[in-house]
Protein backbone atom coordinates (compact mmCIF):
# COMPACT_ATOMS: atom_id res chain seq x y z
CA MET A 1 27.24 -77.53 114.08
CA ALA A 2 30.66 -75.92 114.50
CA PRO A 3 31.48 -74.57 117.97
CA ARG A 4 31.27 -70.80 118.34
CA ILE A 5 34.67 -69.25 118.88
CA LEU A 6 34.83 -66.42 121.41
CA SER A 7 37.48 -63.71 121.49
CA ARG A 8 40.02 -63.95 124.31
CA PHE A 9 38.51 -60.81 125.85
CA LYS A 10 35.00 -62.32 125.91
CA GLN A 11 36.32 -65.60 127.28
CA LYS A 12 38.16 -63.76 130.06
CA GLN A 13 35.09 -61.64 130.92
CA ARG A 14 32.83 -64.67 131.07
CA ARG A 15 35.29 -66.60 133.21
CA LYS A 16 35.35 -63.77 135.74
CA ASN A 17 31.63 -63.99 136.28
CA PRO A 18 30.31 -67.48 135.63
CA GLU A 19 26.57 -67.62 135.90
CA VAL A 20 26.25 -71.36 136.28
CA ARG A 21 25.77 -72.55 139.85
CA ILE A 22 26.25 -76.15 140.87
CA LEU A 23 24.28 -77.06 143.97
CA ILE A 24 25.87 -79.97 145.84
CA ALA A 25 23.97 -82.47 147.96
CA SER A 26 25.31 -85.69 149.44
CA GLU A 27 24.20 -88.70 151.44
CA ILE A 28 27.90 -89.32 152.07
CA ASP A 29 29.55 -87.51 154.97
CA GLN A 30 33.21 -87.73 153.99
CA ASP A 31 34.65 -88.71 150.64
CA PRO A 32 37.74 -87.44 148.79
CA LEU A 33 35.77 -87.07 145.53
CA LEU A 34 33.10 -84.99 147.26
CA THR A 35 35.88 -82.87 148.77
CA LEU A 36 37.45 -82.48 145.33
CA VAL A 37 34.18 -81.16 143.91
CA ARG A 38 33.61 -78.80 146.83
CA THR A 39 37.12 -77.34 146.67
CA ASN A 40 37.01 -76.97 142.88
CA ILE A 41 33.39 -75.93 142.44
CA ALA A 42 34.36 -72.59 140.88
CA ALA A 43 36.37 -74.41 138.19
CA PHE A 44 33.44 -76.73 137.42
CA GLU A 45 31.11 -73.73 137.21
CA ARG A 46 33.44 -71.78 134.89
CA LEU A 47 33.90 -74.76 132.62
CA ALA A 48 30.16 -75.43 132.60
CA ALA A 49 29.64 -71.82 131.46
CA ASP A 50 32.26 -72.33 128.74
CA LEU A 51 30.66 -75.61 127.65
CA TYR A 52 27.21 -74.04 127.45
CA ASP A 53 28.62 -70.94 125.68
CA ILE A 54 29.81 -73.24 122.90
CA TYR A 55 26.97 -75.77 122.67
CA TRP A 56 23.96 -73.73 123.84
CA PRO A 57 24.97 -70.04 123.65
CA VAL A 58 21.45 -68.69 124.26
CA TRP A 59 21.63 -69.91 127.86
CA ARG A 60 22.78 -66.47 128.98
CA ALA A 61 19.32 -65.09 128.14
CA HIS A 62 18.11 -67.04 131.18
CA GLY A 63 20.35 -64.98 133.43
CA LYS A 64 21.60 -67.90 135.49
CA LEU A 65 21.66 -71.67 135.30
CA GLN A 66 21.62 -74.12 138.16
CA ILE A 67 22.64 -77.76 138.20
CA SER A 68 22.03 -80.13 141.07
CA LEU A 69 24.96 -82.49 141.73
CA GLN A 70 24.19 -85.25 144.22
CA PHE A 71 26.42 -87.97 145.65
CA LEU A 72 24.94 -91.32 146.70
CA GLU A 73 26.20 -94.45 148.43
CA GLU A 74 26.60 -97.54 146.26
CA THR A 75 23.46 -99.32 147.52
CA ARG A 76 21.24 -96.27 146.95
CA MET A 77 22.70 -95.76 143.47
CA ALA A 78 21.99 -99.42 142.65
CA GLU A 79 18.35 -98.88 143.73
CA MET A 80 18.04 -95.80 141.52
CA ASN A 81 19.69 -97.54 138.57
CA ASP A 82 17.23 -100.41 138.98
CA GLU A 83 14.26 -98.07 139.28
CA TYR A 84 15.08 -95.84 136.30
CA ARG A 85 17.08 -98.09 133.97
CA GLN A 86 16.09 -101.61 135.11
CA MET A 87 19.77 -102.42 135.67
CA HIS A 88 20.43 -104.27 138.92
CA ALA A 89 23.81 -102.74 139.83
CA PRO A 90 25.22 -99.39 140.83
CA THR A 91 26.38 -97.04 138.08
CA ASP A 92 28.76 -94.09 138.12
CA VAL A 93 26.26 -91.43 137.05
CA LEU A 94 22.58 -90.91 136.35
CA THR A 95 21.26 -87.70 134.85
CA PHE A 96 17.74 -86.33 135.12
CA PRO A 97 17.25 -83.40 132.72
CA PHE A 98 14.22 -81.24 133.46
CA PHE A 99 13.76 -79.98 129.90
CA GLU A 100 14.12 -83.02 127.66
CA GLU A 101 11.11 -84.01 125.58
CA GLU A 102 11.44 -86.99 123.26
CA GLY A 103 15.20 -86.53 123.02
CA ARG A 104 15.03 -82.78 122.39
CA PHE A 105 16.13 -80.01 124.72
CA ILE A 106 13.25 -77.59 125.24
CA PRO A 107 13.95 -75.23 128.15
CA ASP A 108 11.28 -73.00 129.64
CA ALA A 109 12.15 -69.46 128.52
CA GLN A 110 10.20 -67.96 131.44
CA VAL A 111 12.15 -69.65 134.23
CA GLN A 112 15.00 -67.66 135.80
CA PRO A 113 17.29 -68.97 137.14
CA LEU A 114 16.87 -72.12 135.09
CA LEU A 115 17.46 -75.38 136.97
CA LEU A 116 18.61 -77.76 134.23
CA GLY A 117 18.29 -80.94 136.25
CA ASP A 118 20.07 -83.43 138.48
CA ILE A 119 23.37 -85.21 138.04
CA VAL A 120 23.60 -88.09 140.52
CA ALA A 121 27.05 -89.60 141.08
CA CYS A 122 28.35 -92.60 143.00
CA PRO A 123 31.95 -92.27 144.26
CA ALA A 124 32.33 -96.04 144.72
CA ALA A 125 31.39 -96.71 141.08
CA ILE A 126 33.62 -93.84 139.91
CA ARG A 127 36.57 -95.44 141.76
CA LYS A 128 35.88 -98.84 140.14
CA ASN A 129 35.77 -97.23 136.69
CA ALA A 130 38.99 -95.34 137.35
CA LEU A 131 40.73 -98.62 138.22
CA GLU A 132 39.31 -100.37 135.14
CA HIS A 133 40.26 -97.51 132.80
CA HIS A 134 43.68 -96.97 134.44
CA VAL A 135 43.00 -93.28 135.10
CA SER A 136 42.92 -91.15 138.22
CA GLU A 137 39.75 -90.86 140.27
CA GLU A 138 39.84 -87.10 139.61
CA SER A 139 39.82 -87.75 135.87
CA GLU A 140 36.90 -90.16 136.09
CA LEU A 141 34.93 -87.80 138.34
CA ALA A 142 35.43 -84.84 135.99
CA LEU A 143 34.45 -87.00 133.02
CA ILE A 144 31.12 -88.03 134.54
CA VAL A 145 30.31 -84.47 135.66
CA PHE A 146 30.76 -83.13 132.12
CA HIS A 147 28.97 -86.19 130.75
CA GLY A 148 26.01 -85.29 132.96
CA MET A 149 26.14 -81.65 131.89
CA LEU A 150 25.78 -82.73 128.27
CA HIS A 151 22.88 -85.06 129.12
CA LEU A 152 21.13 -82.06 130.71
CA LEU A 153 21.08 -80.55 127.19
CA ALA A 154 19.44 -83.76 125.89
CA TRP A 155 22.69 -85.03 124.36
CA ASP A 156 22.77 -88.80 124.09
CA HIS A 157 25.12 -91.56 123.00
CA ASP A 158 22.64 -93.97 121.43
CA THR A 159 24.36 -94.00 118.02
CA PRO A 160 28.07 -94.25 117.19
CA GLU A 161 28.07 -90.70 115.78
CA LYS A 162 26.40 -89.20 118.86
CA GLN A 163 28.67 -91.17 121.16
CA GLU A 164 31.83 -90.05 119.36
CA ARG A 165 30.73 -86.39 119.59
CA MET A 166 29.72 -86.63 123.24
CA TRP A 167 32.91 -88.46 124.25
CA ARG A 168 35.07 -85.91 122.42
CA VAL A 169 33.41 -82.95 124.18
CA GLN A 170 33.33 -84.47 127.68
CA GLU A 171 36.98 -85.54 127.38
CA ARG A 172 37.99 -82.06 126.24
CA PHE A 173 36.34 -80.45 129.27
CA ARG A 174 37.68 -83.12 131.61
CA ASP A 175 41.18 -82.33 130.34
CA LEU A 176 40.62 -78.59 130.86
CA PHE A 177 39.48 -79.26 134.43
CA LEU A 178 42.47 -81.50 135.19
CA LYS A 179 44.87 -78.94 133.74
CA GLY A 180 43.51 -76.39 136.22
CA LEU A 181 43.92 -78.52 139.35
CA SER A 182 46.51 -77.13 141.73
CA ALA A 183 47.87 -80.51 142.83
CA PRO A 184 49.29 -83.01 140.33
CA VAL A 185 46.90 -85.76 139.31
CA VAL A 186 48.23 -89.26 139.91
CA ASP A 187 47.06 -92.58 138.57
CA ASN A 188 46.13 -95.54 140.76
CA GLU A 189 49.77 -96.66 140.99
CA GLY A 190 50.85 -93.26 142.28
CA TYR A 191 52.47 -92.00 139.07
CA GLU A 192 51.82 -88.44 138.00
CA LYS A 193 49.52 -88.22 134.97
CA LYS A 194 50.52 -85.80 132.21
């Protein structure tokens, strides 16, 4: 399905009043990645609205969407990964969509605002991935947030075709987020990323 193209006027109007709310919860008191999300929550919400405008445009009929974004310590994330995926190690992100049935996205049309589900992130695992992939922590964080947002729509990456599509979309929105950051993004060696 080709993405719907919106006029510049409609894009500007929708950006002024995003109707996606990200609710943040954390077991972690202080963490730079948690601070990054909190200080840039409006950007994440605007981009989530843009993402859903393109890939699920009927979402606006629900009035408002909500997404729960939770941050866990490494040991707790390892426990959750073991419980839900039978993998005995921490992971960067787990997603729990509320409206996925047998791989299909079936939201409840009566619920307003619609809580799509939970995205659970682990800053320690995000940092490890950033080092392994030679990218900034901000880049890796944004990538997993948009990855989770797509999973909430029942997107998956269980085939090469689905993975290629999902990676392309999450990378596009990660890049849009990074472009909007006020401070330059640096890699792990301290060099500014372009």
